[in-house]
PDB file of N, CA and C in Angstrom:
ATOM      1  N   MET A   1     -36.128-114.732  61.629  1.00  0.00           N
ATOM      2  CA  MET A   1     -35.238-113.656  61.052  1.00  0.00           C
ATOM      3  C   MET A   1     -34.747-114.341  59.800  1.00  0.00           C
ATOM      4  N   SER A   2     -34.472-113.509  58.735  1.00  0.00           N
ATOM      5  CA  SER A   2     -33.839-113.831  57.594  1.00  0.00           C
ATOM      6  C   SER A   2     -32.439-113.146  57.102  1.00  0.00           C
ATOM      7  N   LEU A   3     -31.728-112.989  58.157  1.00  0.00           N
ATOM      8  CA  LEU A   3     -30.368-112.074  57.933  1.00  0.00           C
ATOM      9  C   LEU A   3     -29.732-112.901  56.965  1.00  0.00           C
ATOM     10  N   THR A   4     -29.080-112.327  55.930  1.00  0.00           N
ATOM     11  CA  THR A   4     -28.104-113.061  54.894  1.00  0.00           C
ATOM     12  C   THR A   4     -26.597-112.846  55.136  1.00  0.00           C
ATOM     13  N   HIS A   5     -26.282-111.477  55.372  1.00  0.00           N
ATOM     14  CA  HIS A   5     -24.938-111.241  55.731  1.00  0.00           C
ATOM     15  C   HIS A   5     -24.613-109.893  56.276  1.00  0.00           C
ATOM     16  N   ILE A   6     -23.385-109.553  56.783  1.00  0.00           N
ATOM     17  CA  ILE A   6     -23.018-108.326  57.113  1.00  0.00           C
ATOM     18  C   ILE A   6     -22.998-107.419  55.999  1.00  0.00           C
ATOM     19  N   GLN A   7     -23.449-106.450  55.747  1.00  0.00           N
ATOM     20  CA  GLN A   7     -23.368-105.350  54.709  1.00  0.00           C
ATOM     21  C   GLN A   7     -22.312-104.560  54.833  1.00  0.00           C
ATOM     22  N   LEU A   8     -22.132-103.910  56.145  1.00  0.00           N
ATOM     23  CA  LEU A   8     -21.241-102.802  56.153  1.00  0.00           C
ATOM     24  C   LEU A   8     -20.847-102.660  57.755  1.00  0.00           C
ATOM     25  N   LEU A   9     -19.595-102.210  57.693  1.00  0.00           N
ATOM     26  CA  LEU A   9     -18.816-102.101  59.011  1.00  0.00           C
ATOM     27  C   LEU A   9     -18.274-100.793  58.813  1.00  0.00           C
ATOM     28  N   SER A  10     -18.513 -99.756  59.907  1.00  0.00           N
ATOM     29  CA  SER A  10     -18.004 -98.661  60.068  1.00  0.00           C
ATOM     30  C   SER A  10     -16.821 -98.471  60.838  1.00  0.00           C
ATOM     31  N   LEU A  11     -15.565 -97.953  60.100  1.00  0.00           N
ATOM     32  CA  LEU A  11     -14.362 -97.999  60.706  1.00  0.00           C
ATOM     33  C   LEU A  11     -13.810 -96.615  61.006  1.00  0.00           C
ATOM     34  N   PRO A  12     -13.601 -96.295  62.202  1.00  0.00           N
ATOM     35  CA  PRO A  12     -13.215 -94.898  62.578  1.00  0.00           C
ATOM     36  C   PRO A  12     -11.775 -94.502  62.156  1.00  0.00           C
ATOM     37  N   VAL A  13     -11.650 -93.407  61.424  1.00  0.00           N
ATOM     38  CA  VAL A  13     -10.359 -92.848  60.723  1.00  0.00           C
ATOM     39  C   VAL A  13     -10.356 -91.247  60.996  1.00  0.00           C
ATOM     40  N   THR A  14      -8.992 -90.808  60.824  1.00  0.00           N
ATOM     41  CA  THR A  14      -8.776 -89.377  61.267  1.00  0.00           C
ATOM     42  C   THR A  14      -9.090 -88.701  59.764  1.00  0.00           C
ATOM     43  N   ASP A  15      -8.475 -89.193  58.884  1.00  0.00           N
ATOM     44  CA  ASP A  15      -8.356 -88.499  57.664  1.00  0.00           C
ATOM     45  C   ASP A  15      -8.943 -89.420  56.622  1.00  0.00           C
ATOM     46  N   GLN A  16      -9.856 -89.077  55.931  1.00  0.00           N
ATOM     47  CA  GLN A  16     -10.572 -90.109  54.974  1.00  0.00           C
ATOM     48  C   GLN A  16      -9.703 -90.375  53.714  1.00  0.00           C
ATOM     49  N   ASP A  17      -9.227 -89.226  53.356  1.00  0.00           N
ATOM     50  CA  ASP A  17      -8.220 -89.475  52.132  1.00  0.00           C
ATOM     51  C   ASP A  17      -7.059 -90.196  52.196  1.00  0.00           C
ATOM     52  N   ARG A  18      -6.518 -90.117  53.514  1.00  0.00           N
ATOM     53  CA  ARG A  18      -5.259 -91.022  53.839  1.00  0.00           C
ATOM     54  C   ARG A  18      -5.934 -92.361  53.831  1.00  0.00           C
ATOM     55  N   ALA A  19      -7.041 -92.699  54.615  1.00  0.00           N
ATOM     56  CA  ALA A  19      -7.497 -94.047  54.727  1.00  0.00           C
ATOM     57  C   ALA A  19      -7.885 -94.769  53.488  1.00  0.00           C
ATOM     58  N   LYS A  20      -8.599 -93.846  52.621  1.00  0.00           N
ATOM     59  CA  LYS A  20      -8.914 -94.400  51.394  1.00  0.00           C
ATOM     60  C   LYS A  20      -7.680 -94.746  50.503  1.00  0.00           C
ATOM     61  N   ASP A  21      -6.497 -94.069  50.621  1.00  0.00           N
ATOM     62  CA  ASP A  21      -5.290 -94.284  49.888  1.00  0.00           C
ATOM     63  C   ASP A  21      -4.962 -95.732  50.360  1.00  0.00           C
ATOM     64  N   PHE A  22      -4.847 -95.841  51.673  1.00  0.00           N
ATOM     65  CA  PHE A  22      -4.203 -97.160  52.217  1.00  0.00           C
ATOM     66  C   PHE A  22      -5.146 -98.294  52.003  1.00  0.00           C
ATOM     67  N   TYR A  23      -6.493 -98.209  52.004  1.00  0.00           N
ATOM     68  CA  TYR A  23      -7.310 -99.514  51.671  1.00  0.00           C
ATOM     69  C   TYR A  23      -7.466 -99.817  50.139  1.00  0.00           C
ATOM     70  N   LEU A  24      -7.330 -98.761  49.588  1.00  0.00           N
ATOM     71  CA  LEU A  24      -7.287 -98.955  47.719  1.00  0.00           C
ATOM     72  C   LEU A  24      -5.864 -99.261  47.482  1.00  0.00           C
ATOM     73  N   ASN A  25      -4.866 -98.634  47.710  1.00  0.00           N
ATOM     74  CA  ASN A  25      -3.464 -98.804  47.034  1.00  0.00           C
ATOM     75  C   ASN A  25      -2.465 -99.652  47.948  1.00  0.00           C
ATOM     76  N   THR A  26      -2.759 -99.731  49.124  1.00  0.00           N
ATOM     77  CA  THR A  26      -1.982-100.663  49.923  1.00  0.00           C
ATOM     78  C   THR A  26      -2.577-102.062  50.160  1.00  0.00           C
ATOM     79  N   LEU A  27      -3.900-102.169  50.381  1.00  0.00           N
ATOM     80  CA  LEU A  27      -4.673-103.452  50.572  1.00  0.00           C
ATOM     81  C   LEU A  27      -5.342-103.832  49.405  1.00  0.00           C
ATOM     82  N   GLY A  28      -5.626-103.105  48.396  1.00  0.00           N
ATOM     83  CA  GLY A  28      -5.999-103.454  47.098  1.00  0.00           C
ATOM     84  C   GLY A  28      -7.682-103.703  47.084  1.00  0.00           C
ATOM     85  N   PHE A  29      -8.241-102.942  47.949  1.00  0.00           N
ATOM     86  CA  PHE A  29      -9.851-102.801  48.018  1.00  0.00           C
ATOM     87  C   PHE A  29     -10.068-101.928  46.757  1.00  0.00           C
ATOM     88  N   GLU A  30     -11.281-102.111  46.486  1.00  0.00           N
ATOM     89  CA  GLU A  30     -11.757-101.406  45.358  1.00  0.00           C
ATOM     90  C   GLU A  30     -13.015-100.327  46.026  1.00  0.00           C
ATOM     91  N   LEU A  31     -13.001 -99.063  45.471  1.00  0.00           N
ATOM     92  CA  LEU A  31     -13.937 -97.970  45.673  1.00  0.00           C
ATOM     93  C   LEU A  31     -15.456 -98.373  45.618  1.00  0.00           C
ATOM     94  N   VAL A  32     -16.174 -98.238  46.502  1.00  0.00           N
ATOM     95  CA  VAL A  32     -17.656 -98.510  46.321  1.00  0.00           C
ATOM     96  C   VAL A  32     -18.299 -97.142  45.933  1.00  0.00           C
ATOM     97  N   SER A  33     -17.916 -96.168  46.894  1.00  0.00           N
ATOM     98  CA  SER A  33     -18.729 -94.837  46.825  1.00  0.00           C
ATOM     99  C   SER A  33     -17.755 -93.874  47.543  1.00  0.00           C
ATOM    100  N   ASP A  34     -17.756 -92.643  47.158  1.00  0.00           N
ATOM    101  CA  ASP A  34     -17.016 -91.409  47.753  1.00  0.00           C
ATOM    102  C   ASP A  34     -18.014 -90.109  47.418  1.00  0.00           C
ATOM    103  N   ASN A  35     -18.912 -89.946  48.246  1.00  0.00           N
ATOM    104  CA  ASN A  35     -19.884 -88.951  48.003  1.00  0.00           C
ATOM    105  C   ASN A  35     -19.958 -87.977  49.218  1.00  0.00           C
ATOM    106  N   SER A  36     -20.334 -86.704  48.821  1.00  0.00           N
ATOM    107  CA  SER A  36     -20.463 -85.762  49.815  1.00  0.00           C
ATOM    108  C   SER A  36     -21.846 -86.048  50.661  1.00  0.00           C
ATOM    109  N   MET A  37     -21.697 -85.873  51.995  1.00  0.00           N
ATOM    110  CA  MET A  37     -23.092 -85.861  52.794  1.00  0.00           C
ATOM    111  C   MET A  37     -23.450 -84.678  53.475  1.00  0.00           C
ATOM    112  N   GLY A  38     -22.922 -83.555  52.709  1.00  0.00           N
ATOM    113  CA  GLY A  38     -23.143 -82.219  53.270  1.00  0.00           C
ATOM    114  C   GLY A  38     -21.972 -81.388  53.162  1.00  0.00           C
ATOM    115  N   PRO A  39     -21.827 -80.208  53.905  1.00  0.00           N
ATOM    116  CA  PRO A  39     -20.619 -79.428  53.742  1.00  0.00           C
ATOM    117  C   PRO A  39     -19.366 -79.935  54.531  1.00  0.00           C
ATOM    118  N   GLU A  40     -19.661 -80.840  55.550  1.00  0.00           N
ATOM    119  CA  GLU A  40     -18.377 -81.200  56.390  1.00  0.00           C
ATOM    120  C   GLU A  40     -18.305 -82.691  56.475  1.00  0.00           C
ATOM    121  N   GLN A  41     -19.186 -83.477  55.728  1.00  0.00           N
ATOM    122  CA  GLN A  41     -19.024 -84.933  55.702  1.00  0.00           C
ATOM    123  C   GLN A  41     -18.976 -85.672  54.295  1.00  0.00           C
ATOM    124  N   ARG A  42     -18.175 -86.867  54.376  1.00  0.00           N
ATOM    125  CA  ARG A  42     -18.282 -87.557  53.101  1.00  0.00           C
ATOM    126  C   ARG A  42     -18.395 -89.020  53.443  1.00  0.00           C
ATOM    127  N   TRP A  43     -19.251 -89.655  52.459  1.00  0.00           N
ATOM    128  CA  TRP A  43     -19.326 -91.180  52.751  1.00  0.00           C
ATOM    129  C   TRP A  43     -18.322 -91.764  51.751  1.00  0.00           C
ATOM    130  N   VAL A  44     -17.504 -92.631  52.394  1.00  0.00           N
ATOM    131  CA  VAL A  44     -16.321 -93.228  51.729  1.00  0.00           C
ATOM    132  C   VAL A  44     -16.286 -94.664  52.061  1.00  0.00           C
ATOM    133  N   GLN A  45     -16.654 -95.386  50.979  1.00  0.00           N
ATOM    134  CA  GLN A  45     -16.975 -96.893  51.129  1.00  0.00           C
ATOM    135  C   GLN A  45     -16.032 -97.726  50.424  1.00  0.00           C
ATOM    136  N   VAL A  46     -15.288 -98.510  50.874  1.00  0.00           N
ATOM    137  CA  VAL A  46     -14.555 -99.499  50.162  1.00  0.00           C
ATOM    138  C   VAL A  46     -14.599-101.081  50.574  1.00  0.00           C
ATOM    139  N   ARG A  47     -14.215-101.853  49.816  1.00  0.00           N
ATOM    140  CA  ARG A  47     -14.359-103.321  49.986  1.00  0.00           C
ATOM    141  C   ARG A  47     -13.215-104.123  49.268  1.00  0.00           C
ATOM    142  N   PRO A  48     -13.138-105.363  49.867  1.00  0.00           N
ATOM    143  CA  PRO A  48     -12.050-106.230  49.033  1.00  0.00           C
ATOM    144  C   PRO A  48     -12.804-106.398  47.577  1.00  0.00           C
ATOM    145  N   LYS A  49     -12.000-106.645  46.752  1.00  0.00           N
ATOM    146  CA  LYS A  49     -12.483-106.789  45.218  1.00  0.00           C
ATOM    147  C   LYS A  49     -13.376-108.034  45.354  1.00  0.00           C
ATOM    148  N   HIS A  50     -14.515-107.959  44.733  1.00  0.00           N
ATOM    149  CA  HIS A  50     -15.538-109.077  44.780  1.00  0.00           C
ATOM    150  C   HIS A  50     -16.005-109.412  46.039  1.00  0.00           C
ATOM    151  N   GLY A  51     -15.857-108.531  47.192  1.00  0.00           N
ATOM    152  CA  GLY A  51     -16.264-109.037  48.450  1.00  0.00           C
ATOM    153  C   GLY A  51     -17.653-108.531  48.724  1.00  0.00           C
ATOM    154  N   GLN A  52     -18.380-109.141  49.857  1.00  0.00           N
ATOM    155  CA  GLN A  52     -19.800-108.781  49.945  1.00  0.00           C
ATOM    156  C   GLN A  52     -19.851-107.751  50.934  1.00  0.00           C
ATOM    157  N   THR A  53     -19.028-107.814  51.931  1.00  0.00           N
ATOM    158  CA  THR A  53     -19.170-106.779  53.089  1.00  0.00           C
ATOM    159  C   THR A  53     -18.222-105.653  52.772  1.00  0.00           C
ATOM    160  N   SER A  54     -18.731-104.485  53.045  1.00  0.00           N
ATOM    161  CA  SER A  54     -17.860-103.128  52.904  1.00  0.00           C
ATOM    162  C   SER A  54     -17.606-102.557  54.128  1.00  0.00           C
ATOM    163  N   ILE A  55     -16.636-101.613  53.927  1.00  0.00           N
ATOM    164  CA  ILE A  55     -16.323-100.813  55.091  1.00  0.00           C
ATOM    165  C   ILE A  55     -16.578 -99.231  54.798  1.00  0.00           C
ATOM    166  N   THR A  56     -17.028 -98.645  55.524  1.00  0.00           N
ATOM    167  CA  THR A  56     -17.118 -97.139  55.404  1.00  0.00           C
ATOM    168  C   THR A  56     -16.220 -96.567  56.338  1.00  0.00           C
ATOM    169  N   LEU A  57     -15.327 -95.466  55.886  1.00  0.00           N
ATOM    170  CA  LEU A  57     -14.463 -94.877  56.681  1.00  0.00           C
ATOM    171  C   LEU A  57     -14.991 -93.541  57.165  1.00  0.00           C
ATOM    172  N   VAL A  58     -15.071 -93.603  58.348  1.00  0.00           N
ATOM    173  CA  VAL A  58     -15.918 -92.604  59.248  1.00  0.00           C
ATOM    174  C   VAL A  58     -15.109 -91.721  59.970  1.00  0.00           C
ATOM    175  N   THR A  59     -15.691 -90.513  60.287  1.00  0.00           N
ATOM    176  CA  THR A  59     -14.764 -89.572  60.935  1.00  0.00           C
ATOM    177  C   THR A  59     -16.025 -88.799  62.113  1.00  0.00           C
ATOM    178  N   TRP A  60     -17.202 -89.182  62.104  1.00  0.00           N
ATOM    179  CA  TRP A  60     -18.173 -88.558  62.803  1.00  0.00           C
ATOM    180  C   TRP A  60     -18.719 -88.959  63.834  1.00  0.00           C
ATOM    181  N   PHE A  61     -18.312 -90.304  64.297  1.00  0.00           N
ATOM    182  CA  PHE A  61     -18.742 -90.851  65.528  1.00  0.00           C
ATOM    183  C   PHE A  61     -17.857 -90.465  66.651  1.00  0.00           C
ATOM    184  N   GLU A  62     -18.310 -89.825  67.494  1.00  0.00           N
ATOM    185  CA  GLU A  62     -17.479 -89.383  68.696  1.00  0.00           C
ATOM    186  C   GLU A  62     -17.186 -90.428  69.564  1.00  0.00           C
ATOM    187  N   THR A  63     -18.115 -91.621  69.766  1.00  0.00           N
ATOM    188  CA  THR A  63     -18.005 -92.711  70.759  1.00  0.00           C
ATOM    189  C   THR A  63     -16.942 -93.751  69.882  1.00  0.00           C
ATOM    190  N   MET A  64     -16.518 -93.412  68.744  1.00  0.00           N
ATOM    191  CA  MET A  64     -15.570 -94.440  67.836  1.00  0.00           C
ATOM    192  C   MET A  64     -14.390 -93.518  67.662  1.00  0.00           C
ATOM    193  N   PRO A  65     -13.298 -93.571  68.328  1.00  0.00           N
ATOM    194  CA  PRO A  65     -12.182 -92.736  68.114  1.00  0.00           C
ATOM    195  C   PRO A  65     -11.490 -93.540  66.935  1.00  0.00           C
ATOM    196  N   PRO A  66     -10.629 -92.757  66.237  1.00  0.00           N
ATOM    197  CA  PRO A  66      -9.946 -93.441  65.172  1.00  0.00           C
ATOM    198  C   PRO A  66      -8.820 -94.467  65.881  1.00  0.00           C
ATOM    199  N   GLY A  67      -8.699 -95.456  65.357  1.00  0.00           N
ATOM    200  CA  GLY A  67      -7.668 -96.497  65.837  1.00  0.00           C
ATOM    201  C   GLY A  67      -8.361 -97.398  67.026  1.00  0.00           C
ATOM    202  N   SER A  68      -9.602 -97.202  67.098  1.00  0.00           N
ATOM    203  CA  SER A  68     -10.232 -97.879  68.203  1.00  0.00           C
ATOM    204  C   SER A  68     -10.548 -99.529  67.729  1.00  0.00           C
ATOM    205  N   VAL A  69     -10.712 -99.638  66.618  1.00  0.00           N
ATOM    206  CA  VAL A  69     -11.154-101.063  66.121  1.00  0.00           C
ATOM    207  C   VAL A  69      -9.902-101.833  66.032  1.00  0.00           C
ATOM    208  N   LYS A  70     -10.086-103.179  66.684  1.00  0.00           N
ATOM    209  CA  LYS A  70      -9.092-104.126  66.944  1.00  0.00           C
ATOM    210  C   LYS A  70      -9.625-105.627  66.334  1.00  0.00           C
ATOM    211  N   GLY A  71      -8.925-106.179  65.476  1.00  0.00           N
ATOM    212  CA  GLY A  71      -9.331-107.544  65.034  1.00  0.00           C
ATOM    213  C   GLY A  71     -10.166-107.592  63.995  1.00  0.00           C
ATOM    214  N   LEU A  72     -10.131-106.599  63.059  1.00  0.00           N
ATOM    215  CA  LEU A  72     -10.785-106.622  61.815  1.00  0.00           C
ATOM    216  C   LEU A  72     -10.086-107.681  60.883  1.00  0.00           C
ATOM    217  N   VAL A  73     -10.776-108.814  60.753  1.00  0.00           N
ATOM    218  CA  VAL A  73     -10.095-109.959  59.893  1.00  0.00           C
ATOM    219  C   VAL A  73     -10.328-109.954  58.550  1.00  0.00           C
ATOM    220  N   LEU A  74      -9.267-110.144  57.594  1.00  0.00           N
ATOM    221  CA  LEU A  74      -9.409-110.258  56.230  1.00  0.00           C
ATOM    222  C   LEU A  74      -8.784-111.636  55.885  1.00  0.00           C
ATOM    223  N   GLU A  75      -9.625-112.270  55.141  1.00  0.00           N
ATOM    224  CA  GLU A  75      -9.310-113.794  54.784  1.00  0.00           C
ATOM    225  C   GLU A  75      -8.452-113.738  53.461  1.00  0.00           C
ATOM    226  N   THR A  76      -7.480-114.548  53.305  1.00  0.00           N
ATOM    227  CA  THR A  76      -6.749-114.661  51.896  1.00  0.00           C
ATOM    228  C   THR A  76      -6.625-115.971  51.592  1.00  0.00           C
ATOM    229  N   ASP A  77      -6.319-116.387  50.396  1.00  0.00           N
ATOM    230  CA  ASP A  77      -5.887-117.824  49.984  1.00  0.00           C
ATOM    231  C   ASP A  77      -4.490-117.872  49.617  1.00  0.00           C
ATOM    232  N   ASP A  78      -3.763-116.622  49.743  1.00  0.00           N
ATOM    233  CA  ASP A  78      -2.320-116.595  49.678  1.00  0.00           C
ATOM    234  C   ASP A  78      -1.712-115.697  50.528  1.00  0.00           C
ATOM    235  N   LEU A  79      -1.619-116.225  51.754  1.00  0.00           N
ATOM    236  CA  LEU A  79      -0.994-115.339  52.766  1.00  0.00           C
ATOM    237  C   LEU A  79       0.392-114.867  52.386  1.00  0.00           C
ATOM    238  N   ASP A  80       1.251-115.715  52.260  1.00  0.00           N
ATOM    239  CA  ASP A  80       2.674-115.489  51.996  1.00  0.00           C
ATOM    240  C   ASP A  80       2.858-114.443  50.753  1.00  0.00           C
ATOM    241  N   GLY A  81       2.077-114.657  49.682  1.00  0.00           N
ATOM    242  CA  GLY A  81       1.978-113.637  48.724  1.00  0.00           C
ATOM    243  C   GLY A  81       1.497-112.384  48.954  1.00  0.00           C
ATOM    244  N   ASP A  82       0.393-112.339  49.752  1.00  0.00           N
ATOM    245  CA  ASP A  82      -0.036-111.138  50.174  1.00  0.00           C
ATOM    246  C   ASP A  82       1.026-110.394  51.251  1.00  0.00           C
ATOM    247  N   ILE A  83       1.637-111.223  51.933  1.00  0.00           N
ATOM    248  CA  ILE A  83       2.777-110.486  53.035  1.00  0.00           C
ATOM    249  C   ILE A  83       3.799-109.916  52.029  1.00  0.00           C
ATOM    250  N   GLU A  84       4.147-110.596  51.087  1.00  0.00           N
ATOM    251  CA  GLU A  84       5.266-109.914  50.151  1.00  0.00           C
ATOM    252  C   GLU A  84       4.721-108.711  49.326  1.00  0.00           C
ATOM    253  N   THR A  85       3.431-108.727  48.857  1.00  0.00           N
ATOM    254  CA  THR A  85       2.826-107.763  48.219  1.00  0.00           C
ATOM    255  C   THR A  85       2.832-106.407  49.340  1.00  0.00           C
ATOM    256  N   LEU A  86       2.305-106.731  50.437  1.00  0.00           N
ATOM    257  CA  LEU A  86       2.104-105.555  51.539  1.00  0.00           C
ATOM    258  C   LEU A  86       3.576-105.219  51.807  1.00  0.00           C
ATOM    259  N   ALA A  87       4.629-105.845  51.892  1.00  0.00           N
ATOM    260  CA  ALA A  87       5.892-105.377  52.188  1.00  0.00           C
ATOM    261  C   ALA A  87       6.522-104.441  51.058  1.00  0.00           C
ATOM    262  N   ALA A  88       6.225-105.144  49.919  1.00  0.00           N
ATOM    263  CA  ALA A  88       6.611-104.259  48.662  1.00  0.00           C
ATOM    264  C   ALA A  88       5.884-102.808  48.551  1.00  0.00           C
ATOM    265  N   ARG A  89       4.650-102.780  49.197  1.00  0.00           N
ATOM    266  CA  ARG A  89       4.035-101.609  49.042  1.00  0.00           C
ATOM    267  C   ARG A  89       4.255-100.636  50.220  1.00  0.00           C
ATOM    268  N   GLY A  90       5.326-101.000  51.240  1.00  0.00           N
ATOM    269  CA  GLY A  90       5.827-100.183  52.116  1.00  0.00           C
ATOM    270  C   GLY A  90       5.120-100.331  53.476  1.00  0.00           C
ATOM    271  N   LEU A  91       4.479-101.615  53.730  1.00  0.00           N
ATOM    272  CA  LEU A  91       3.746-101.784  54.911  1.00  0.00           C
ATOM    273  C   LEU A  91       4.504-102.714  55.742  1.00  0.00           C
ATOM    274  N   PRO A  92       4.858-102.294  56.957  1.00  0.00           N
ATOM    275  CA  PRO A  92       5.615-103.186  57.863  1.00  0.00           C
ATOM    276  C   PRO A  92       4.960-104.395  58.282  1.00  0.00           C
ATOM    277  N   VAL A  93       5.082-105.410  57.761  1.00  0.00           N
ATOM    278  CA  VAL A  93       4.544-106.775  58.167  1.00  0.00           C
ATOM    279  C   VAL A  93       5.367-107.737  58.487  1.00  0.00           C
ATOM    280  N   GLY A  94       5.074-108.287  59.801  1.00  0.00           N
ATOM    281  CA  GLY A  94       6.044-109.290  60.345  1.00  0.00           C
ATOM    282  C   GLY A  94       5.859-110.570  59.706  1.00  0.00           C
ATOM    283  N   GLU A  95       6.282-111.594  60.204  1.00  0.00           N
ATOM    284  CA  GLU A  95       6.218-112.977  59.536  1.00  0.00           C
ATOM    285  C   GLU A  95       4.797-113.649  59.991  1.00  0.00           C
ATOM    286  N   ALA A  96       4.477-114.503  59.322  1.00  0.00           N
ATOM    287  CA  ALA A  96       3.186-115.285  59.499  1.00  0.00           C
ATOM    288  C   ALA A  96       3.355-116.189  60.697  1.00  0.00           C
ATOM    289  N   GLN A  97       2.130-116.130  61.633  1.00  0.00           N
ATOM    290  CA  GLN A  97       2.162-116.982  62.695  1.00  0.00           C
ATOM    291  C   GLN A  97       1.440-118.174  62.531  1.00  0.00           C
ATOM    292  N   GLN A  98       1.637-119.123  63.055  1.00  0.00           N
ATOM    293  CA  GLN A  98       0.818-120.529  63.038  1.00  0.00           C
ATOM    294  C   GLN A  98      -0.129-120.566  64.474  1.00  0.00           C
ATOM    295  N   ALA A  99      -1.250-120.952  63.919  1.00  0.00           N
ATOM    296  CA  ALA A  99      -2.254-121.115  65.007  1.00  0.00           C
ATOM    297  C   ALA A  99      -3.177-122.439  64.564  1.00  0.00           C
ATOM    298  N   PRO A 100      -3.783-122.946  65.572  1.00  0.00           N
ATOM    299  CA  PRO A 100      -4.616-124.316  65.294  1.00  0.00           C
ATOM    300  C   PRO A 100      -5.547-124.228  64.112  1.00  0.00           C
ATOM    301  N   TRP A 101      -5.971-122.928  64.023  1.00  0.00           N
ATOM    302  CA  TRP A 101      -7.062-122.751  62.837  1.00  0.00           C
ATOM    303  C   TRP A 101      -6.539-122.197  61.504  1.00  0.00           C
ATOM    304  N   GLY A 102      -5.133-121.923  61.609  1.00  0.00           N
ATOM    305  CA  GLY A 102      -4.637-121.489  60.238  1.00  0.00           C
ATOM    306  C   GLY A 102      -3.362-120.634  60.520  1.00  0.00           C
ATOM    307  N   ARG A 103      -2.990-119.825  59.515  1.00  0.00           N
ATOM    308  CA  ARG A 103      -1.803-118.869  59.652  1.00  0.00           C
ATOM    309  C   ARG A 103      -2.297-117.439  59.620  1.00  0.00           C
ATOM    310  N   TYR A 104      -1.523-116.453  60.188  1.00  0.00           N
ATOM    311  CA  TYR A 104      -2.153-115.192  60.154  1.00  0.00           C
ATOM    312  C   TYR A 104      -0.826-114.119  60.318  1.00  0.00           C
ATOM    313  N   VAL A 105      -1.193-112.967  59.992  1.00  0.00           N
ATOM    314  CA  VAL A 105      -0.254-111.893  60.269  1.00  0.00           C
ATOM    315  C   VAL A 105      -1.015-110.622  60.941  1.00  0.00           C
ATOM    316  N   THR A 106      -0.645-109.791  61.515  1.00  0.00           N
ATOM    317  CA  THR A 106      -1.219-108.535  62.052  1.00  0.00           C
ATOM    318  C   THR A 106      -0.419-107.298  61.656  1.00  0.00           C
ATOM    319  N   PHE A 107      -1.353-106.203  61.619  1.00  0.00           N
ATOM    320  CA  PHE A 107      -0.694-105.002  61.174  1.00  0.00           C
ATOM    321  C   PHE A 107      -1.672-103.924  61.364  1.00  0.00           C
ATOM    322  N   ASP A 108      -1.410-102.690  61.434  1.00  0.00           N
ATOM    323  CA  ASP A 108      -2.361-101.780  61.830  1.00  0.00           C
ATOM    324  C   ASP A 108      -2.585-100.662  60.361  1.00  0.00           C
ATOM    325  N   ASP A 109      -3.811-100.090  60.252  1.00  0.00           N
ATOM    326  CA  ASP A 109      -3.918 -99.150  59.209  1.00  0.00           C
ATOM    327  C   ASP A 109      -3.182 -97.794  59.843  1.00  0.00           C
ATOM    328  N   PRO A 110      -3.384 -96.929  58.942  1.00  0.00           N
ATOM    329  CA  PRO A 110      -2.762 -95.470  59.306  1.00  0.00           C
ATOM    330  C   PRO A 110      -3.134 -94.989  60.620  1.00  0.00           C
ATOM    331  N   ASP A 111      -4.295 -95.102  61.052  1.00  0.00           N
ATOM    332  CA  ASP A 111      -4.919 -94.877  62.239  1.00  0.00           C
ATOM    333  C   ASP A 111      -4.716 -95.614  63.497  1.00  0.00           C
ATOM    334  N   GLY A 112      -4.107 -96.781  63.161  1.00  0.00           N
ATOM    335  CA  GLY A 112      -4.073 -97.711  64.245  1.00  0.00           C
ATOM    336  C   GLY A 112      -5.199 -98.772  64.623  1.00  0.00           C
ATOM    337  N   ASN A 113      -6.230 -98.989  63.577  1.00  0.00           N
ATOM    338  CA  ASN A 113      -7.033-100.011  63.764  1.00  0.00           C
ATOM    339  C   ASN A 113      -6.326-101.182  63.416  1.00  0.00           C
ATOM    340  N   GLY A 114      -6.502-102.232  64.168  1.00  0.00           N
ATOM    341  CA  GLY A 114      -5.779-103.529  64.111  1.00  0.00           C
ATOM    342  C   GLY A 114      -6.408-104.316  63.185  1.00  0.00           C
ATOM    343  N   ILE A 115      -5.569-104.965  62.220  1.00  0.00           N
ATOM    344  CA  ILE A 115      -6.226-105.934  61.165  1.00  0.00           C
ATOM    345  C   ILE A 115      -5.414-106.935  61.275  1.00  0.00           C
ATOM    346  N   VAL A 116      -6.162-108.242  61.174  1.00  0.00           N
ATOM    347  CA  VAL A 116      -5.419-109.573  60.888  1.00  0.00           C
ATOM    348  C   VAL A 116      -5.628-110.010  59.541  1.00  0.00           C
ATOM    349  N   LEU A 117      -4.762-110.560  59.082  1.00  0.00           N
ATOM    350  CA  LEU A 117      -4.688-111.103  57.515  1.00  0.00           C
ATOM    351  C   LEU A 117      -4.576-112.615  57.938  1.00  0.00           C
ATOM    352  N   GLN A 118      -5.479-113.399  57.445  1.00  0.00           N
ATOM    353  CA  GLN A 118      -5.359-114.779  57.796  1.00  0.00           C
ATOM    354  C   GLN A 118      -5.681-115.694  56.741  1.00  0.00           C
ATOM    355  N   ALA A 119      -5.132-116.922  56.756  1.00  0.00           N
ATOM    356  CA  ALA A 119      -5.605-117.950  55.723  1.00  0.00           C
ATOM    357  C   ALA A 119      -5.821-119.118  56.701  1.00  0.00           C
ATOM    358  N   THR A 120      -7.242-119.338  56.714  1.00  0.00           N
ATOM    359  CA  THR A 120      -7.828-120.329  57.654  1.00  0.00           C
ATOM    360  C   THR A 120      -7.504-121.733  56.983  1.00  0.00           C
ATOM    361  N   ALA A 121      -7.085-122.712  58.011  1.00  0.00           N
ATOM    362  CA  ALA A 121      -6.650-124.070  57.576  1.00  0.00           C
ATOM    363  C   ALA A 121      -7.895-124.781  56.832  1.00  0.00           C
ATOM    364  N   GLY A 122      -7.614-125.387  55.938  1.00  0.00           N
ATOM    365  CA  GLY A 122      -8.804-126.210  55.132  1.00  0.00           C
ATOM    366  C   GLY A 122      -9.861-125.247  54.516  1.00  0.00           C
ATOM    367  N   ALA A 123      -9.660-123.832  54.525  1.00  0.00           N
ATOM    368  CA  ALA A 123     -10.496-123.032  53.871  1.00  0.00           C
ATOM    369  C   ALA A 123     -10.299-122.989  52.187  1.00  0.00           C
TER     370      ALA A 123
END
């Protein structure tokens, strides 16, 4: 096999516009695509700036209810600065926790999908 990376993760949301606003304006992601997929569906794809893996904000998978994803891990090289930025943007974020592998903080997106923002030790 010659796999190189994870291209895309589908993230279940209730409202694509609300989720898009959160990922772009709160987390600072960039918009990759926002296109119609027919009369009732849109393809909304976002990613961290300069990131390789992107997220599509989906509403159409019955087996993936909004808020069902837990443990989506985002890596940062400035955890304290990012916590300050998120708090200034109105996201309730607690204090960073210490773990053997680094420091992290957890929070949810508007649908309750669980996100871990971490700074890996030695990374």
